[in-house]
PDB file of all heavy atoms in Angstrom:
ATOM      1  N   GLY A   1       0.817  -1.208   0.000  1.00  0.00           N
ATOM      2  CA  GLY A   1       0.000   0.000   0.000  1.00  0.00           C
ATOM      3  C   GLY A   1       0.852   1.260   0.000  1.00  0.00           C
ATOM      4  O   GLY A   1       0.574   2.226  -0.724  1.00  0.00           O
ATOM      5  N   ILE A   2       1.904   1.258   0.815  1.00  0.00           N
ATOM      6  CA  ILE A   2       2.806   2.411   0.886  1.00  0.00           C
ATOM      7  C   ILE A   2       3.533   2.604  -0.444  1.00  0.00           C
ATOM      8  O   ILE A   2       3.669   3.728  -0.944  1.00  0.00           O
ATOM      9  CB  ILE A   2       3.811   2.223   2.036  1.00  0.00           C
ATOM     10  CG1 ILE A   2       3.075   2.326   3.376  1.00  0.00           C
ATOM     11  CG2 ILE A   2       4.943   3.246   1.962  1.00  0.00           C
ATOM     12  CD1 ILE A   2       3.908   1.950   4.573  1.00  0.00           C
ATOM     13  N   MET A   3       3.990   1.501  -1.030  1.00  0.00           N
ATOM     14  CA  MET A   3       4.704   1.591  -2.301  1.00  0.00           C
ATOM     15  C   MET A   3       3.759   1.944  -3.452  1.00  0.00           C
ATOM     16  O   MET A   3       4.178   2.585  -4.428  1.00  0.00           O
ATOM     17  CB  MET A   3       5.440   0.285  -2.585  1.00  0.00           C
ATOM     18  CG  MET A   3       6.569   0.001  -1.600  1.00  0.00           C
ATOM     19  SD  MET A   3       7.553  -1.460  -2.030  1.00  0.00           S
ATOM     20  CE  MET A   3       8.523  -0.830  -3.406  1.00  0.00           C
ATOM     21  N   MET A   4       2.505   1.542  -3.360  1.00  0.00           N
ATOM     22  CA  MET A   4       1.520   1.921  -4.378  1.00  0.00           C
ATOM     23  C   MET A   4       1.393   3.438  -4.463  1.00  0.00           C
ATOM     24  O   MET A   4       1.331   4.021  -5.552  1.00  0.00           O
ATOM     25  CB  MET A   4       0.162   1.304  -4.051  1.00  0.00           C
ATOM     26  CG  MET A   4       0.036  -0.163  -4.413  1.00  0.00           C
ATOM     27  SD  MET A   4      -1.445  -0.920  -3.678  1.00  0.00           S
ATOM     28  CE  MET A   4      -2.726   0.010  -4.499  1.00  0.00           C
ATOM     29  N   LEU A   5       1.375   4.080  -3.284  1.00  0.00           N
ATOM     30  CA  LEU A   5       1.282   5.543  -3.257  1.00  0.00           C
ATOM     31  C   LEU A   5       2.503   6.169  -3.935  1.00  0.00           C
ATOM     32  O   LEU A   5       2.371   7.089  -4.750  1.00  0.00           O
ATOM     33  CB  LEU A   5       1.172   6.026  -1.808  1.00  0.00           C
ATOM     34  CG  LEU A   5       1.105   7.543  -1.593  1.00  0.00           C
ATOM     35  CD1 LEU A   5      -0.117   8.123  -2.309  1.00  0.00           C
ATOM     36  CD2 LEU A   5       1.052   7.872  -0.099  1.00  0.00           C
ATOM     37  N   GLY A   6       3.680   5.644  -3.612  1.00  0.00           N
ATOM     38  CA  GLY A   6       4.909   6.145  -4.230  1.00  0.00           C
ATOM     39  C   GLY A   6       4.925   5.919  -5.734  1.00  0.00           C
ATOM     40  O   GLY A   6       5.302   6.812  -6.515  1.00  0.00           O
ATOM     41  N   GLN A   7       4.517   4.736  -6.156  1.00  0.00           N
ATOM     42  CA  GLN A   7       4.468   4.428  -7.587  1.00  0.00           C
ATOM     43  C   GLN A   7       3.526   5.366  -8.320  1.00  0.00           C
ATOM     44  O   GLN A   7       3.830   5.837  -9.424  1.00  0.00           O
ATOM     45  CB  GLN A   7       4.004   2.981  -7.797  1.00  0.00           C
ATOM     46  CG  GLN A   7       5.104   1.954  -7.867  1.00  0.00           C
ATOM     47  CD  GLN A   7       5.717   1.846  -9.252  1.00  0.00           C
ATOM     48  OE1 GLN A   7       5.198   2.368 -10.234  1.00  0.00           O
ATOM     49  NE2 GLN A   7       6.850   1.168  -9.335  1.00  0.00           N
ATOM     50  N   GLY A   8       2.366   5.621  -7.727  1.00  0.00           N
ATOM     51  CA  GLY A   8       1.401   6.509  -8.357  1.00  0.00           C
ATOM     52  C   GLY A   8       1.959   7.913  -8.551  1.00  0.00           C
ATOM     53  O   GLY A   8       1.777   8.519  -9.607  1.00  0.00           O
ATOM     54  N   ILE A   9       2.652   8.418  -7.536  1.00  0.00           N
ATOM     55  CA  ILE A   9       3.247   9.749  -7.619  1.00  0.00           C
ATOM     56  C   ILE A   9       4.336   9.778  -8.696  1.00  0.00           C
ATOM     57  O   ILE A   9       4.368  10.677  -9.550  1.00  0.00           O
ATOM     58  CB  ILE A   9       3.831  10.174  -6.253  1.00  0.00           C
ATOM     59  CG1 ILE A   9       2.702  10.354  -5.234  1.00  0.00           C
ATOM     60  CG2 ILE A   9       4.653  11.458  -6.390  1.00  0.00           C
ATOM     61  CD1 ILE A   9       3.175  10.568  -3.812  1.00  0.00           C
ATOM     62  N   GLY A  10       5.234   8.786  -8.653  1.00  0.00           N
ATOM     63  CA  GLY A  10       6.328   8.730  -9.632  1.00  0.00           C
ATOM     64  C   GLY A  10       5.830   8.579 -11.050  1.00  0.00           C
ATOM     65  O   GLY A  10       6.343   9.225 -11.973  1.00  0.00           O
ATOM     66  N   ALA A  11       4.812   7.727 -11.251  1.00  0.00           N
ATOM     67  CA  ALA A  11       4.272   7.497 -12.591  1.00  0.00           C
ATOM     68  C   ALA A  11       3.566   8.732 -13.127  1.00  0.00           C
ATOM     69  O   ALA A  11       3.652   9.050 -14.323  1.00  0.00           O
ATOM     70  CB  ALA A  11       3.317   6.310 -12.578  1.00  0.00           C
ATOM     71  N   ALA A  12       2.857   9.457 -12.248  1.00  0.00           N
ATOM     72  CA  ALA A  12       2.168  10.677 -12.671  1.00  0.00           C
ATOM     73  C   ALA A  12       3.172  11.731 -13.143  1.00  0.00           C
ATOM     74  O   ALA A  12       2.983  12.383 -14.175  1.00  0.00           O
ATOM     75  CB  ALA A  12       1.317  11.222 -11.530  1.00  0.00           C
ATOM     76  N   ILE A  13       4.262  11.885 -12.389  1.00  0.00           N
ATOM     77  CA  ILE A  13       5.306  12.840 -12.776  1.00  0.00           C
ATOM     78  C   ILE A  13       5.990  12.385 -14.065  1.00  0.00           C
ATOM     79  O   ILE A  13       6.232  13.174 -14.977  1.00  0.00           O
ATOM     80  CB  ILE A  13       6.338  12.997 -11.651  1.00  0.00           C
ATOM     81  CG1 ILE A  13       5.678  13.593 -10.401  1.00  0.00           C
ATOM     82  CG2 ILE A  13       7.497  13.888 -12.092  1.00  0.00           C
ATOM     83  CD1 ILE A  13       6.566  13.602  -9.181  1.00  0.00           C
ATOM     84  N   GLY A  14       6.294  11.065 -14.141  1.00  0.00           N
ATOM     85  CA  GLY A  14       6.970  10.520 -15.313  1.00  0.00           C
ATOM     86  C   GLY A  14       6.159  10.675 -16.589  1.00  0.00           C
ATOM     87  O   GLY A  14       6.710  11.004 -17.651  1.00  0.00           O
ATOM     88  N   SER A  15       4.849  10.459 -16.501  1.00  0.00           N
ATOM     89  CA  SER A  15       4.015  10.569 -17.696  1.00  0.00           C
ATOM     90  C   SER A  15       3.934  12.009 -18.191  1.00  0.00           C
ATOM     91  O   SER A  15       3.796  12.249 -19.397  1.00  0.00           O
ATOM     92  CB  SER A  15       2.613  10.013 -17.422  1.00  0.00           C
ATOM     93  OG  SER A  15       2.014  10.683 -16.325  1.00  0.00           O
ATOM     94  N   ARG A  16       4.041  12.964 -17.288  1.00  0.00           N
ATOM     95  CA  ARG A  16       4.076  14.368 -17.702  1.00  0.00           C
ATOM     96  C   ARG A  16       5.424  14.722 -18.324  1.00  0.00           C
ATOM     97  O   ARG A  16       5.486  15.468 -19.304  1.00  0.00           O
ATOM     98  CB  ARG A  16       3.777  15.277 -16.512  1.00  0.00           C
ATOM     99  CG  ARG A  16       2.295  15.288 -16.132  1.00  0.00           C
ATOM    100  CD  ARG A  16       2.035  15.934 -14.785  1.00  0.00           C
ATOM    101  NE  ARG A  16       0.607  16.097 -14.542  1.00  0.00           N
ATOM    102  CZ  ARG A  16      -0.202  15.128 -14.124  1.00  0.00           C
ATOM    103  NH1 ARG A  16       0.288  13.915 -13.916  1.00  0.00           N
ATOM    104  NH2 ARG A  16      -1.488  15.358 -13.922  1.00  0.00           N
ATOM    105  N   CYS A  17       6.489  14.165 -17.768  1.00  0.00           N
ATOM    106  CA  CYS A  17       7.826  14.410 -18.327  1.00  0.00           C
ATOM    107  C   CYS A  17       7.988  13.760 -19.696  1.00  0.00           C
ATOM    108  O   CYS A  17       8.736  14.249 -20.546  1.00  0.00           O
ATOM    109  CB  CYS A  17       8.906  13.883 -17.381  1.00  0.00           C
ATOM    110  SG  CYS A  17       9.073  14.829 -15.859  1.00  0.00           S
ATOM    111  N   LEU A  18       7.266  12.651 -19.909  1.00  0.00           N
ATOM    112  CA  LEU A  18       7.357  11.938 -21.181  1.00  0.00           C
ATOM    113  C   LEU A  18       6.945  12.830 -22.344  1.00  0.00           C
ATOM    114  O   LEU A  18       7.446  12.694 -23.463  1.00  0.00           O
ATOM    115  CB  LEU A  18       6.478  10.681 -21.135  1.00  0.00           C
ATOM    116  CG  LEU A  18       6.550   9.704 -22.310  1.00  0.00           C
ATOM    117  CD1 LEU A  18       7.971   9.170 -22.469  1.00  0.00           C
ATOM    118  CD2 LEU A  18       5.577   8.553 -22.100  1.00  0.00           C
ATOM    119  N   ILE A  19       6.045  13.769 -22.062  1.00  0.00           N
ATOM    120  CA  ILE A  19       5.575  14.683 -23.099  1.00  0.00           C
ATOM    121  C   ILE A  19       6.681  15.657 -23.505  1.00  0.00           C
ATOM    122  O   ILE A  19       6.792  16.056 -24.659  1.00  0.00           O
ATOM    123  CB  ILE A  19       4.348  15.474 -22.594  1.00  0.00           C
ATOM    124  CG1 ILE A  19       3.240  14.507 -22.145  1.00  0.00           C
ATOM    125  CG2 ILE A  19       3.825  16.414 -23.677  1.00  0.00           C
ATOM    126  CD1 ILE A  19       2.110  15.190 -21.412  1.00  0.00           C
ATOM    127  N   ARG A  20       7.546  16.012 -22.559  1.00  0.00           N
ATOM    128  CA  ARG A  20       8.520  17.081 -22.780  1.00  0.00           C
ATOM    129  C   ARG A  20       9.957  16.599 -22.923  1.00  0.00           C
ATOM    130  O   ARG A  20      10.824  17.349 -23.345  1.00  0.00           O
ATOM    131  CB  ARG A  20       8.467  18.066 -21.610  1.00  0.00           C
ATOM    132  CG  ARG A  20       7.085  18.637 -21.357  1.00  0.00           C
ATOM    133  CD  ARG A  20       7.095  19.588 -20.172  1.00  0.00           C
ATOM    134  NE  ARG A  20       5.767  20.122 -19.891  1.00  0.00           N
ATOM    135  CZ  ARG A  20       4.908  19.555 -19.089  1.00  0.00           C
ATOM    136  NH1 ARG A  20       5.234  18.438 -18.465  1.00  0.00           N
ATOM    137  NH2 ARG A  20       3.722  20.093 -18.881  1.00  0.00           N
ATOM    138  N   ILE A  21      10.243  15.355 -22.548  1.00  0.00           N
ATOM    139  CA  ILE A  21      11.622  14.885 -22.506  1.00  0.00           C
ATOM    140  C   ILE A  21      12.243  14.876 -23.903  1.00  0.00           C
ATOM    141  O   ILE A  21      11.607  14.427 -24.867  1.00  0.00           O
ATOM    142  CB  ILE A  21      11.694  13.473 -21.871  1.00  0.00           C
ATOM    143  CG1 ILE A  21      13.153  13.047 -21.653  1.00  0.00           C
ATOM    144  CG2 ILE A  21      10.960  12.453 -22.715  1.00  0.00           C
ATOM    145  CD1 ILE A  21      13.279  11.765 -20.829  1.00  0.00           C
ATOM    146  N   PRO A  22      13.461  15.390 -24.060  1.00  0.00           N
ATOM    147  CA  PRO A  22      14.123  15.334 -25.372  1.00  0.00           C
ATOM    148  C   PRO A  22      14.319  13.894 -25.830  1.00  0.00           C
ATOM    149  O   PRO A  22      14.562  12.999 -25.010  1.00  0.00           O
ATOM    150  CB  PRO A  22      15.479  16.015 -25.101  1.00  0.00           C
ATOM    151  CG  PRO A  22      15.254  16.866 -23.900  1.00  0.00           C
ATOM    152  CD  PRO A  22      14.252  16.124 -23.062  1.00  0.00           C
ATOM    153  N   TYR A  23      14.220  13.703 -27.145  1.00  0.00           N
ATOM    154  CA  TYR A  23      14.323  12.349 -27.702  1.00  0.00           C
ATOM    155  C   TYR A  23      15.609  11.653 -27.288  1.00  0.00           C
ATOM    156  O   TYR A  23      15.601  10.484 -26.917  1.00  0.00           O
ATOM    157  CB  TYR A  23      14.241  12.425 -29.234  1.00  0.00           C
ATOM    158  CG  TYR A  23      14.842  11.239 -29.929  1.00  0.00           C
ATOM    159  CD1 TYR A  23      14.212  10.004 -29.910  1.00  0.00           C
ATOM    160  CD2 TYR A  23      16.073  11.357 -30.579  1.00  0.00           C
ATOM    161  CE1 TYR A  23      14.775   8.914 -30.538  1.00  0.00           C
ATOM    162  CE2 TYR A  23      16.627  10.268 -31.202  1.00  0.00           C
ATOM    163  CZ  TYR A  23      15.981   9.049 -31.179  1.00  0.00           C
ATOM    164  OH  TYR A  23      16.550   7.979 -31.787  1.00  0.00           O
ATOM    165  N   LEU A  24      16.737  12.362 -27.313  1.00  0.00           N
ATOM    166  CA  LEU A  24      18.018  11.759 -26.979  1.00  0.00           C
ATOM    167  C   LEU A  24      18.047  11.268 -25.537  1.00  0.00           C
ATOM    168  O   LEU A  24      18.560  10.188 -25.254  1.00  0.00           O
ATOM    169  CB  LEU A  24      19.161  12.762 -27.214  1.00  0.00           C
ATOM    170  CG  LEU A  24      20.581  12.254 -26.906  1.00  0.00           C
ATOM    171  CD1 LEU A  24      20.915  11.049 -27.799  1.00  0.00           C
ATOM    172  CD2 LEU A  24      21.608  13.361 -27.104  1.00  0.00           C
ATOM    173  N   TRP A  25      17.461  12.033 -24.624  1.00  0.00           N
ATOM    174  CA  TRP A  25      17.422  11.633 -23.218  1.00  0.00           C
ATOM    175  C   TRP A  25      16.617  10.346 -23.052  1.00  0.00           C
ATOM    176  O   TRP A  25      16.999   9.459 -22.296  1.00  0.00           O
ATOM    177  CB  TRP A  25      16.808  12.734 -22.365  1.00  0.00           C
ATOM    178  CG  TRP A  25      17.651  13.963 -22.233  1.00  0.00           C
ATOM    179  CD1 TRP A  25      18.740  14.306 -23.001  1.00  0.00           C
ATOM    180  CD2 TRP A  25      17.476  15.031 -21.309  1.00  0.00           C
ATOM    181  NE1 TRP A  25      19.246  15.523 -22.609  1.00  0.00           N
ATOM    182  CE2 TRP A  25      18.488  15.995 -21.571  1.00  0.00           C
ATOM    183  CE3 TRP A  25      16.562  15.286 -20.298  1.00  0.00           C
ATOM    184  CZ2 TRP A  25      18.607  17.175 -20.846  1.00  0.00           C
ATOM    185  CZ3 TRP A  25      16.670  16.458 -19.570  1.00  0.00           C
ATOM    186  CH2 TRP A  25      17.687  17.390 -19.835  1.00  0.00           C
ATOM    187  N   LEU A  26      15.479  10.279 -23.743  1.00  0.00           N
ATOM    188  CA  LEU A  26      14.633   9.084 -23.654  1.00  0.00           C
ATOM    189  C   LEU A  26      15.383   7.867 -24.191  1.00  0.00           C
ATOM    190  O   LEU A  26      15.351   6.784 -23.596  1.00  0.00           O
ATOM    191  CB  LEU A  26      13.339   9.308 -24.446  1.00  0.00           C
ATOM    192  CG  LEU A  26      12.305   8.177 -24.411  1.00  0.00           C
ATOM    193  CD1 LEU A  26      11.871   7.884 -22.984  1.00  0.00           C
ATOM    194  CD2 LEU A  26      11.099   8.536 -25.269  1.00  0.00           C
ATOM    195  N   ARG A  27      16.076   8.045 -25.299  1.00  0.00           N
ATOM    196  CA  ARG A  27      16.839   6.952 -25.905  1.00  0.00           C
ATOM    197  C   ARG A  27      17.948   6.472 -24.962  1.00  0.00           C
ATOM    198  O   ARG A  27      18.125   5.270 -24.750  1.00  0.00           O
ATOM    199  CB  ARG A  27      17.429   7.436 -27.225  1.00  0.00           C
ATOM    200  CG  ARG A  27      18.100   6.371 -28.069  1.00  0.00           C
ATOM    201  CD  ARG A  27      18.407   6.948 -29.434  1.00  0.00           C
ATOM    202  NE  ARG A  27      19.027   5.989 -30.317  1.00  0.00           N
ATOM    203  CZ  ARG A  27      19.192   6.195 -31.614  1.00  0.00           C
ATOM    204  NH1 ARG A  27      18.763   7.305 -32.169  1.00  0.00           N
ATOM    205  NH2 ARG A  27      19.774   5.286 -32.367  1.00  0.00           N
ATOM    206  N   VAL A  28      18.674   7.419 -24.371  1.00  0.00           N
ATOM    207  CA  VAL A  28      19.753   7.086 -23.435  1.00  0.00           C
ATOM    208  C   VAL A  28      19.197   6.376 -22.206  1.00  0.00           C
ATOM    209  O   VAL A  28      19.780   5.407 -21.704  1.00  0.00           O
ATOM    210  CB  VAL A  28      20.526   8.361 -23.022  1.00  0.00           C
ATOM    211  CG1 VAL A  28      21.446   8.071 -21.837  1.00  0.00           C
ATOM    212  CG2 VAL A  28      21.331   8.892 -24.194  1.00  0.00           C
ATOM    213  N   LEU A  29      18.028   6.826 -21.731  1.00  0.00           N
ATOM    214  CA  LEU A  29      17.432   6.219 -20.541  1.00  0.00           C
ATOM    215  C   LEU A  29      17.022   4.773 -20.801  1.00  0.00           C
ATOM    216  O   LEU A  29      17.232   3.893 -19.956  1.00  0.00           O
ATOM    217  CB  LEU A  29      16.221   7.048 -20.097  1.00  0.00           C
ATOM    218  CG  LEU A  29      15.602   6.708 -18.738  1.00  0.00           C
ATOM    219  CD1 LEU A  29      16.645   6.738 -17.630  1.00  0.00           C
ATOM    220  CD2 LEU A  29      14.460   7.664 -18.428  1.00  0.00           C
ATOM    221  N   VAL A  30      16.444   4.505 -21.974  1.00  0.00           N
ATOM    222  CA  VAL A  30      16.046   3.130 -22.321  1.00  0.00           C
ATOM    223  C   VAL A  30      17.279   2.223 -22.380  1.00  0.00           C
ATOM    224  O   VAL A  30      17.285   1.119 -21.823  1.00  0.00           O
ATOM    225  CB  VAL A  30      15.297   3.109 -23.675  1.00  0.00           C
ATOM    226  CG1 VAL A  30      15.069   1.668 -24.128  1.00  0.00           C
ATOM    227  CG2 VAL A  30      13.959   3.824 -23.559  1.00  0.00           C
ATOM    228  N   VAL A  31      18.335   2.690 -23.036  1.00  0.00           N
ATOM    229  CA  VAL A  31      19.562   1.900 -23.135  1.00  0.00           C
ATOM    230  C   VAL A  31      20.176   1.681 -21.754  1.00  0.00           C
ATOM    231  O   VAL A  31      20.625   0.578 -21.418  1.00  0.00           O
ATOM    232  CB  VAL A  31      20.587   2.590 -24.074  1.00  0.00           C
ATOM    233  CG1 VAL A  31      21.923   1.855 -24.039  1.00  0.00           C
ATOM    234  CG2 VAL A  31      20.048   2.631 -25.497  1.00  0.00           C
TER     235      VAL A  31
END
């Protein structure tokens, strides 16, 4: 339950960053 709250917060922030993140950063992060 505690980790669910953390995951929800992190995922919400991450999905917003996904819209703005430079392509190169996303590529480097996946690798």
